N, C-alpha and C. Protein backbone atom coordinates (compact mmCIF):
# COMPACT_ATOMS: atom_id res chain seq x y z
N MET A 1 117.03 91.12 88.23
CA MET A 1 116.96 92.08 87.56
C MET A 1 117.73 92.03 85.88
N ALA A 2 118.78 91.31 86.20
CA ALA A 2 120.06 90.82 85.58
C ALA A 2 119.02 89.99 84.12
N LEU A 3 118.52 89.08 84.74
CA LEU A 3 118.31 88.02 83.74
C LEU A 3 116.49 89.07 82.92
N HIS A 4 116.22 89.50 83.65
CA HIS A 4 115.11 90.72 82.84
C HIS A 4 115.64 91.53 81.55
N PHE A 5 117.05 91.53 82.35
CA PHE A 5 117.66 92.55 81.21
C PHE A 5 118.36 91.59 79.78
N ILE A 6 118.94 90.63 80.47
CA ILE A 6 119.39 89.53 79.32
C ILE A 6 118.25 89.23 78.51
N ARG A 7 116.80 88.68 78.99
CA ARG A 7 115.72 88.11 78.06
C ARG A 7 115.03 89.25 76.82
N ARG A 8 115.57 90.63 77.91
CA ARG A 8 114.98 91.81 76.70
C ARG A 8 116.12 91.79 75.51
N ASN A 9 117.09 91.00 75.60
CA ASN A 9 118.30 91.58 74.60
C ASN A 9 119.22 92.86 74.81
N ILE A 10 118.99 93.39 76.04
CA ILE A 10 119.21 94.89 76.60
C ILE A 10 121.15 94.55 76.54
N GLY A 11 121.91 95.39 76.33
CA GLY A 11 123.19 95.41 76.46
C GLY A 11 123.29 96.11 78.18
N ALA A 12 124.78 95.71 78.60
CA ALA A 12 124.76 95.86 79.82
C ALA A 12 125.32 97.55 79.56
N GLY A 13 126.14 97.86 78.69
CA GLY A 13 125.94 99.78 78.34
C GLY A 13 124.95 100.29 78.22
N ASP A 14 123.84 99.73 77.72
CA ASP A 14 122.75 100.53 77.53
C ASP A 14 121.64 100.80 78.71
N GLN A 15 122.58 102.00 79.29
CA GLN A 15 121.43 102.39 80.55
C GLN A 15 120.53 102.90 80.40
N ALA A 16 120.05 103.74 79.25
CA ALA A 16 118.65 104.26 79.07
C ALA A 16 117.73 102.87 78.93
N ALA A 17 118.13 101.92 77.92
CA ALA A 17 117.28 100.57 78.23
C ALA A 17 116.78 100.13 79.47
N ILE A 18 118.29 99.94 79.95
CA ILE A 18 117.84 99.11 81.11
C ILE A 18 117.45 100.15 82.37
N GLU A 19 117.32 101.68 82.20
CA GLU A 19 116.31 102.26 83.40
C GLU A 19 114.96 102.35 83.19
N LYS A 20 114.90 101.99 81.41
CA LYS A 20 113.20 102.13 81.27
C LYS A 20 112.99 100.30 81.77
N ALA A 21 113.52 99.65 81.52
CA ALA A 21 113.18 98.09 81.81
C ALA A 21 113.02 97.64 83.25
N VAL A 22 113.65 98.58 83.96
CA VAL A 22 113.51 98.23 85.41
C VAL A 22 112.09 98.66 86.17
N GLN A 23 111.41 99.48 85.17
CA GLN A 23 110.24 100.13 85.54
C GLN A 23 108.90 98.81 85.37
N ASP A 24 109.42 97.72 84.57
CA ASP A 24 108.28 96.69 84.33
C ASP A 24 108.89 95.23 84.59
N ALA A 25 109.74 95.17 85.54
CA ALA A 25 110.28 94.09 86.34
C ALA A 25 109.84 94.16 87.85
N ASP A 26 109.16 93.25 88.15
CA ASP A 26 108.83 92.67 89.25
C ASP A 26 109.27 91.62 89.70
N VAL A 27 109.98 91.88 90.73
CA VAL A 27 111.04 90.85 91.38
C VAL A 27 110.75 90.54 92.87
N SER A 28 110.11 89.19 93.08
CA SER A 28 109.65 89.04 94.37
C SER A 28 110.36 87.84 94.73
N ILE A 29 110.18 87.73 96.03
CA ILE A 29 110.55 85.88 96.94
C ILE A 29 109.30 85.54 97.54
N ARG A 30 109.21 84.39 97.33
CA ARG A 30 108.27 83.39 98.03
C ARG A 30 108.64 82.48 98.97
N TYR A 31 108.17 81.89 100.08
CA TYR A 31 108.82 80.59 100.33
C TYR A 31 108.20 79.71 100.33
N GLU A 32 108.30 78.48 99.79
CA GLU A 32 107.69 77.38 99.75
C GLU A 32 108.10 76.19 100.02
N ASP A 33 107.26 75.31 101.47
CA ASP A 33 108.19 74.34 102.01
C ASP A 33 109.50 74.46 102.37
N GLY A 34 109.52 75.81 102.89
CA GLY A 34 111.28 76.05 103.74
C GLY A 34 111.88 76.46 102.31
N VAL A 35 111.70 76.59 100.96
CA VAL A 35 112.60 76.67 100.16
C VAL A 35 111.98 78.26 99.52
N GLN A 36 113.42 79.02 99.49
CA GLN A 36 113.04 80.28 99.00
C GLN A 36 113.05 80.31 97.70
N LYS A 37 112.05 81.00 96.87
CA LYS A 37 112.10 80.98 95.44
C LYS A 37 111.82 82.38 95.19
N VAL A 38 112.92 82.58 93.88
CA VAL A 38 113.05 83.63 93.24
C VAL A 38 111.86 83.99 91.99
N LEU A 39 111.13 85.08 92.08
CA LEU A 39 110.09 85.29 91.07
C LEU A 39 110.48 86.69 90.28
N LEU A 40 110.23 86.22 89.24
CA LEU A 40 110.76 87.51 88.11
C LEU A 40 109.55 87.55 87.36
N ASN A 41 108.36 88.49 87.30
CA ASN A 41 107.19 89.02 86.70
C ASN A 41 106.16 87.45 86.88
N GLY A 42 106.50 87.35 88.28
CA GLY A 42 105.35 85.85 88.61
C GLY A 42 106.28 84.33 88.10
N GLU A 43 107.29 84.33 87.45
CA GLU A 43 108.36 83.18 87.18
C GLU A 43 108.95 82.60 88.04
N ASP A 44 109.16 81.62 88.58
CA ASP A 44 109.74 81.24 89.58
C ASP A 44 111.51 80.90 88.27
N VAL A 45 112.25 81.70 88.64
CA VAL A 45 113.47 82.14 88.13
C VAL A 45 114.77 81.36 89.15
N SER A 46 114.49 81.02 90.01
CA SER A 46 115.72 80.60 91.30
C SER A 46 116.77 79.79 90.55
N GLY A 47 116.46 78.93 89.49
CA GLY A 47 117.66 78.15 88.91
C GLY A 47 118.34 78.76 87.65
N LEU A 48 117.98 79.94 87.47
CA LEU A 48 118.09 80.61 86.38
C LEU A 48 119.18 81.60 86.80
N ILE A 49 119.22 82.08 87.97
CA ILE A 49 119.66 83.49 88.73
C ILE A 49 121.30 83.20 88.75
N ARG A 50 121.76 82.19 88.91
CA ARG A 50 123.38 81.62 89.22
C ARG A 50 123.98 81.61 88.63
N THR A 51 123.91 82.25 87.16
CA THR A 51 124.50 81.57 85.85
C THR A 51 125.69 82.66 85.80
N GLU A 52 126.76 82.32 84.76
CA GLU A 52 127.95 83.31 84.67
C GLU A 52 127.33 84.46 84.06
N ALA A 53 126.44 84.29 83.00
CA ALA A 53 125.85 85.60 82.33
C ALA A 53 125.01 86.14 82.75
N VAL A 54 124.07 85.86 83.99
CA VAL A 54 123.65 86.67 84.94
C VAL A 54 124.12 87.25 85.88
N GLY A 55 125.33 86.40 86.11
CA GLY A 55 126.48 87.14 87.09
C GLY A 55 126.99 88.68 86.66
N ASN A 56 127.41 88.16 85.49
CA ASN A 56 128.30 89.24 84.72
C ASN A 56 127.33 90.46 84.29
N MET A 57 126.12 90.43 83.95
CA MET A 57 125.33 91.41 83.47
C MET A 57 125.09 91.92 84.98
N ALA A 58 124.63 91.40 85.94
CA ALA A 58 124.22 91.85 87.31
C ALA A 58 125.44 92.69 87.94
N SER A 59 126.67 92.41 87.43
CA SER A 59 127.65 93.19 88.20
C SER A 59 127.86 94.87 87.22
N ALA A 60 127.61 94.39 85.69
CA ALA A 60 127.74 95.57 84.75
C ALA A 60 126.86 96.62 85.03
N SER A 61 125.43 96.08 85.64
CA SER A 61 124.11 97.00 85.27
C SER A 61 123.90 97.22 86.83
N SER A 62 124.24 96.62 87.81
CA SER A 62 123.87 96.86 89.14
C SER A 62 124.43 98.04 89.54
N GLY A 63 125.21 99.25 89.10
CA GLY A 63 125.67 100.17 89.22
C GLY A 63 124.88 101.38 88.75
N TYR A 64 123.75 100.97 88.03
CA TYR A 64 123.23 102.03 87.61
C TYR A 64 121.96 102.72 88.43
N GLY A 65 122.00 103.98 88.89
CA GLY A 65 121.25 104.52 90.12
C GLY A 65 119.55 103.33 90.08
N ALA A 66 119.08 103.83 88.73
CA ALA A 66 117.88 103.13 89.25
C ALA A 66 117.75 101.57 89.25
N VAL A 67 118.25 100.83 88.93
CA VAL A 67 118.82 99.67 89.53
C VAL A 67 118.97 99.47 90.85
N ARG A 68 119.62 100.05 91.15
CA ARG A 68 120.20 99.92 92.38
C ARG A 68 118.77 100.45 93.36
N GLU A 69 118.39 101.84 93.72
CA GLU A 69 117.08 102.10 93.59
C GLU A 69 115.98 100.93 93.70
N LYS A 70 115.61 100.49 92.77
CA LYS A 70 114.67 99.42 92.77
C LYS A 70 115.17 98.13 93.62
N LEU A 71 115.96 97.86 93.74
CA LEU A 71 116.49 96.72 94.25
C LEU A 71 116.96 97.13 95.33
N VAL A 72 117.23 97.74 96.04
CA VAL A 72 117.16 98.28 97.57
C VAL A 72 116.00 98.37 98.02
N ALA A 73 115.03 98.97 97.73
CA ALA A 73 113.22 98.98 97.86
C ALA A 73 112.91 97.69 97.85
N LEU A 74 113.12 96.93 96.62
CA LEU A 74 112.48 95.41 97.20
C LEU A 74 113.25 94.76 98.32
N GLN A 75 114.63 94.61 98.26
CA GLN A 75 114.92 93.86 99.52
C GLN A 75 114.55 94.46 101.03
N LYS A 76 114.50 96.04 101.00
CA LYS A 76 114.22 96.23 102.43
C LYS A 76 112.60 95.93 102.68
N GLU A 77 111.87 96.03 101.73
CA GLU A 77 110.18 95.81 101.68
C GLU A 77 110.10 94.32 102.61
N LEU A 78 110.96 93.62 101.76
CA LEU A 78 111.04 91.71 102.01
C LEU A 78 111.79 91.66 103.73
N ALA A 79 112.87 92.47 103.67
CA ALA A 79 113.01 92.47 105.01
C ALA A 79 112.66 92.87 106.32
N SER A 80 111.02 93.82 105.78
CA SER A 80 110.33 94.35 106.75
C SER A 80 109.03 93.56 107.10
N ARG A 81 109.13 92.37 106.19
CA ARG A 81 108.02 91.48 106.54
C ARG A 81 108.22 90.08 106.81
N GLU A 82 109.69 89.42 106.48
CA GLU A 82 110.08 88.35 106.57
C GLU A 82 111.79 88.52 107.73
N ASN A 83 111.69 87.68 108.41
CA ASN A 83 112.93 86.91 108.81
C ASN A 83 113.82 86.58 107.54
N VAL A 84 114.92 87.37 107.48
CA VAL A 84 115.83 86.88 106.16
C VAL A 84 116.81 86.78 106.37
N VAL A 85 117.83 85.80 105.60
CA VAL A 85 119.17 85.92 105.41
C VAL A 85 119.36 86.53 104.44
N MET A 86 120.05 87.72 103.91
CA MET A 86 120.22 88.48 102.61
C MET A 86 121.90 87.68 102.35
N ASP A 87 122.30 87.79 101.40
CA ASP A 87 123.70 87.81 100.46
C ASP A 87 123.32 88.58 99.37
N GLY A 88 124.33 89.40 99.36
CA GLY A 88 124.85 90.42 98.35
C GLY A 88 125.65 91.22 98.20
N ARG A 89 126.26 91.91 97.59
CA ARG A 89 127.54 93.08 97.80
C ARG A 89 127.66 94.09 98.65
N ASP A 90 125.90 94.71 98.75
CA ASP A 90 125.64 96.11 99.45
C ASP A 90 124.60 95.37 100.40
N ILE A 91 124.38 94.28 100.82
CA ILE A 91 123.48 93.92 101.87
C ILE A 91 123.56 94.72 103.17
N GLY A 92 124.75 94.71 103.64
CA GLY A 92 125.10 94.96 105.16
C GLY A 92 125.81 96.61 105.07
N THR A 93 125.88 97.12 103.83
CA THR A 93 126.53 98.53 104.20
C THR A 93 125.28 99.37 103.73
N CYS A 94 124.19 98.96 102.29
CA CYS A 94 123.30 100.02 102.16
C CYS A 94 121.95 98.97 102.16
N VAL A 95 121.39 98.48 102.16
CA VAL A 95 120.44 97.37 101.73
C VAL A 95 119.99 97.13 103.94
N LEU A 96 120.87 96.31 104.07
CA LEU A 96 120.25 96.39 105.54
C LEU A 96 121.45 96.92 106.65
N PRO A 97 121.37 97.93 107.04
CA PRO A 97 122.81 98.63 107.63
C PRO A 97 122.80 98.28 109.08
N HIS A 98 121.19 98.14 109.38
CA HIS A 98 121.20 98.02 111.28
C HIS A 98 120.89 96.68 111.15
N ALA A 99 121.23 95.44 110.25
CA ALA A 99 121.08 94.13 110.49
C ALA A 99 121.76 93.65 111.77
N ASP A 100 121.18 92.67 112.38
CA ASP A 100 121.44 92.17 113.62
C ASP A 100 122.45 91.34 113.56
N VAL A 101 123.23 90.93 112.34
CA VAL A 101 124.07 90.11 112.50
C VAL A 101 124.52 90.28 110.73
N LYS A 102 125.85 90.62 110.88
CA LYS A 102 126.58 90.90 109.41
C LYS A 102 127.81 90.26 109.35
N ILE A 103 127.72 89.48 108.21
CA ILE A 103 129.01 88.47 107.78
C ILE A 103 129.37 88.75 106.49
N TYR A 104 130.79 88.98 106.60
CA TYR A 104 131.53 89.30 105.18
C TYR A 104 132.12 88.45 104.67
N LEU A 105 131.44 87.31 103.81
CA LEU A 105 131.85 86.11 103.39
C LEU A 105 132.87 86.82 101.72
N THR A 106 133.58 85.76 102.18
CA THR A 106 134.68 85.92 100.86
C THR A 106 135.75 85.00 100.62
N ALA A 107 136.39 84.53 99.76
CA ALA A 107 137.54 83.86 99.64
C ALA A 107 138.21 84.04 98.22
N SER A 108 139.35 83.72 98.09
CA SER A 108 140.58 83.97 96.65
C SER A 108 139.32 83.54 95.20
N SER A 109 139.97 84.92 94.64
CA SER A 109 138.92 84.18 93.53
C SER A 109 139.59 83.26 92.87
N GLN A 110 140.49 82.24 93.45
CA GLN A 110 140.84 81.41 92.53
C GLN A 110 139.67 80.51 93.20
N VAL A 111 139.85 80.01 94.48
CA VAL A 111 138.99 79.25 94.77
C VAL A 111 137.57 79.32 94.27
N ARG A 112 137.19 80.77 94.51
CA ARG A 112 135.61 80.80 93.77
C ARG A 112 135.55 80.37 92.41
N ALA A 113 136.54 80.63 91.74
CA ALA A 113 136.80 79.74 90.48
C ALA A 113 136.67 78.53 90.59
N GLU A 114 137.49 78.11 91.54
CA GLU A 114 137.31 76.44 91.23
C GLU A 114 135.85 75.88 91.78
N ARG A 115 135.44 76.42 92.57
CA ARG A 115 134.18 76.22 93.03
C ARG A 115 133.20 76.17 92.16
N ARG A 116 133.27 77.47 91.26
CA ARG A 116 132.08 77.48 90.30
C ARG A 116 132.23 76.42 89.05
N TYR A 117 133.26 76.51 88.39
CA TYR A 117 133.81 75.34 87.77
C TYR A 117 133.45 73.83 88.14
N LYS A 118 133.47 73.19 89.50
CA LYS A 118 133.04 72.05 89.62
C LYS A 118 131.39 71.94 89.83
N GLU A 119 130.99 73.19 90.08
CA GLU A 119 129.58 73.12 90.10
C GLU A 119 128.59 73.28 88.67
N LEU A 120 129.44 74.46 87.52
CA LEU A 120 129.22 74.00 86.39
C LEU A 120 129.55 72.61 85.87
N LEU A 121 130.14 72.12 85.91
CA LEU A 121 130.60 70.15 85.37
C LEU A 121 129.74 69.44 86.36
N GLU A 122 129.36 69.73 87.54
CA GLU A 122 128.34 68.78 88.02
C GLU A 122 126.90 68.67 87.58
N LYS A 123 126.78 70.29 86.91
CA LYS A 123 125.59 70.26 86.00
C LYS A 123 125.56 69.92 84.68
N GLY A 124 126.77 69.50 84.30
CA GLY A 124 126.52 68.77 82.80
C GLY A 124 127.17 70.28 81.91
N GLN A 125 127.75 71.34 82.20
CA GLN A 125 127.81 72.48 81.56
C GLN A 125 129.21 72.56 80.85
N GLN A 126 129.85 72.84 80.59
CA GLN A 126 131.08 73.00 79.96
C GLN A 126 131.81 74.53 80.41
N ALA A 127 133.16 74.39 81.00
CA ALA A 127 133.43 75.33 81.72
C ALA A 127 134.90 75.61 81.54
N ASP A 128 135.23 76.88 81.59
CA ASP A 128 136.73 77.14 81.38
C ASP A 128 137.17 77.90 82.69
N LEU A 129 138.30 77.36 83.62
CA LEU A 129 138.54 77.62 84.68
C LEU A 129 138.92 79.09 84.70
N GLN A 130 139.83 79.31 84.13
CA GLN A 130 140.85 80.47 83.67
C GLN A 130 139.84 81.92 83.30
N GLU A 131 138.98 81.37 82.62
CA GLU A 131 137.60 82.02 82.15
C GLU A 131 136.75 82.43 83.19
N ILE A 132 136.50 81.60 83.99
CA ILE A 132 135.69 81.81 85.23
C ILE A 132 136.25 82.74 86.00
N GLU A 133 137.51 82.50 86.23
CA GLU A 133 138.29 83.23 87.40
C GLU A 133 138.83 84.66 86.98
N ALA A 134 138.93 84.91 85.67
CA ALA A 134 139.05 86.58 84.91
C ALA A 134 137.82 86.90 85.10
N ASP A 135 136.22 86.19 84.76
CA ASP A 135 135.36 87.11 85.03
C ASP A 135 134.88 87.43 86.46
N ILE A 136 135.60 86.33 87.40
CA ILE A 136 135.17 86.96 88.79
C ILE A 136 136.05 88.28 89.26
N ILE A 137 137.25 88.56 88.69
CA ILE A 137 138.20 89.06 89.47
C ILE A 137 137.82 90.30 88.62
N LYS A 138 137.15 90.66 87.34
CA LYS A 138 136.44 91.76 86.71
C LYS A 138 135.25 92.03 87.52
N ARG A 139 134.03 90.54 87.62
CA ARG A 139 133.24 91.57 88.63
C ARG A 139 133.72 92.26 89.86
N ASP A 140 134.27 91.53 90.49
CA ASP A 140 134.87 91.89 91.63
C ASP A 140 135.55 93.61 91.96
N TYR A 141 136.13 93.86 90.41
CA TYR A 141 136.75 95.37 90.42
C TYR A 141 135.47 96.07 90.04
N GLN A 142 134.83 95.46 89.33
CA GLN A 142 133.79 96.52 88.60
C GLN A 142 132.79 97.19 90.13
N ASP A 143 132.40 95.63 90.70
CA ASP A 143 131.49 96.24 91.88
C ASP A 143 132.20 97.20 93.17
N MET A 144 133.69 97.22 93.61
CA MET A 144 134.42 97.49 94.36
C MET A 144 134.23 99.20 93.86
N HIS A 145 134.42 99.00 92.89
CA HIS A 145 134.84 100.76 92.05
C HIS A 145 133.18 101.08 91.64
N ARG A 146 132.14 100.35 91.53
CA ARG A 146 131.12 101.36 91.07
C ARG A 146 130.85 102.78 91.90
N GLU A 147 130.01 104.07 91.30
CA GLU A 147 129.84 104.82 92.49
C GLU A 147 128.25 104.94 93.14
N ASN A 148 127.50 103.70 92.78
CA ASN A 148 126.29 103.21 93.89
C ASN A 148 126.66 102.18 94.23
N SER A 149 126.19 102.29 95.51
CA SER A 149 126.75 100.56 96.23
C SER A 149 127.73 100.07 95.97
N PRO A 150 129.12 100.72 96.25
CA PRO A 150 130.02 99.54 95.89
C PRO A 150 130.10 98.68 97.38
N LEU A 151 130.89 97.26 96.53
CA LEU A 151 131.08 96.27 97.21
C LEU A 151 132.28 96.68 98.36
N LYS A 152 132.15 96.75 99.45
CA LYS A 152 132.68 96.86 100.83
C LYS A 152 132.13 96.05 102.03
N GLN A 153 133.29 95.82 103.16
CA GLN A 153 133.06 94.91 104.13
C GLN A 153 132.16 96.33 105.15
N ALA A 154 131.10 95.99 105.64
CA ALA A 154 130.11 96.69 106.50
C ALA A 154 131.47 97.04 107.66
N GLU A 155 131.55 98.30 108.26
CA GLU A 155 132.76 97.87 109.31
C GLU A 155 132.31 97.07 110.69
N ASP A 156 131.24 96.98 110.54
CA ASP A 156 130.66 96.27 112.14
C ASP A 156 130.52 94.70 111.66
N ALA A 157 131.03 94.12 110.13
CA ALA A 157 130.64 92.80 109.57
C ALA A 157 131.77 92.50 110.08
N VAL A 158 131.46 90.80 110.36
CA VAL A 158 132.65 89.68 110.79
C VAL A 158 132.92 89.45 110.01
N LEU A 159 134.22 89.47 109.39
CA LEU A 159 134.75 88.80 107.96
C LEU A 159 135.19 87.25 108.32
N VAL A 160 134.40 86.49 107.48
CA VAL A 160 134.79 85.33 107.38
C VAL A 160 135.30 85.13 105.75
N ASP A 161 136.74 84.28 105.58
CA ASP A 161 137.39 83.90 104.52
C ASP A 161 137.34 82.28 104.60
N SER A 162 136.61 82.17 103.33
CA SER A 162 135.92 80.61 103.27
C SER A 162 137.16 79.72 102.12
N SER A 163 138.39 80.45 102.01
CA SER A 163 139.20 79.82 101.38
C SER A 163 140.01 78.69 101.29
N ASP A 164 139.92 78.37 102.80
CA ASP A 164 140.52 77.20 103.08
C ASP A 164 139.52 76.64 104.09
N MET A 165 138.04 76.49 104.16
CA MET A 165 137.08 75.75 104.72
C MET A 165 136.02 74.93 104.41
N THR A 166 135.90 74.04 104.39
CA THR A 166 134.76 73.67 103.63
C THR A 166 133.28 74.03 104.14
N LEU A 167 132.13 73.46 103.79
CA LEU A 167 130.79 73.96 103.57
C LEU A 167 130.55 73.86 105.23
N ASP A 168 130.91 72.43 105.74
CA ASP A 168 130.64 72.53 106.96
C ASP A 168 131.15 73.26 108.32
N GLN A 169 132.36 73.50 107.97
CA GLN A 169 133.01 74.53 108.51
C GLN A 169 132.42 76.12 108.52
N VAL A 170 132.10 76.57 107.52
CA VAL A 170 131.77 78.03 107.11
C VAL A 170 130.12 77.88 108.14
N VAL A 171 129.19 76.96 107.58
CA VAL A 171 128.26 76.88 108.33
C VAL A 171 128.28 76.93 110.38
N ALA A 172 129.63 76.25 110.36
CA ALA A 172 129.65 76.20 111.95
C ALA A 172 130.32 77.67 112.31
N ARG A 173 131.11 78.04 111.40
CA ARG A 173 131.55 79.65 111.68
C ARG A 173 130.23 80.45 112.10
N PHE A 174 129.55 80.33 110.89
CA PHE A 174 128.14 81.66 111.20
C PHE A 174 127.29 80.97 112.25
N LEU A 175 127.31 79.79 112.51
CA LEU A 175 126.48 79.78 113.67
C LEU A 175 127.15 79.98 115.30
N GLU A 176 128.51 80.29 114.77
CA GLU A 176 129.40 80.48 116.34
C GLU A 176 128.80 81.98 115.92
N ILE A 177 129.18 82.83 114.73
CA ILE A 177 128.63 84.28 115.04
C ILE A 177 127.45 84.90 115.51
N ILE A 178 126.37 83.75 115.19
CA ILE A 178 125.27 84.29 115.62
C ILE A 178 124.49 83.83 116.61
N GLY A 179 125.78 82.79 117.71
CA GLY A 179 125.38 82.89 118.79
C GLY A 179 124.84 81.62 119.06
N ARG A 180 124.85 80.47 118.06
CA ARG A 180 124.11 79.56 118.06
C ARG A 180 124.59 78.29 118.58
């Protein structure tokens, strides 16, 4: 959704334009050879949705009722058709409150910023570590304090703080939680 708004040059504060644009955004997921593809109006945008700009727009626009309504409906519909692993800031509390397993994955803003910084550098993009961390802190605050579907840990979710963990350690912890 955020990418859709950016492509239409809609500002994050333009609620009326965002709520109108929601109506002509078709977001779906397809699996090809075991790999999840995110489609926006039929286009594979998987590689475009994890940018800072899209993350910032998602945080700013996701509090609008029309956006939350559409996204929650899409996510619930997908989960009704497929066995899924979903990540998101309100999956365990709003989208799939009865999920079999809920994990609240977190890390300090500093560690998340360092990870994003390294990821961007590996992609050959320029990045500013302090700016990335400031954006993360701002997004967290916005998401925790929004009226619709605020970011919070579900009461029955297992907390995993990955600040001092490697990727392999996180995966091992997840497998332990799901009982594998």
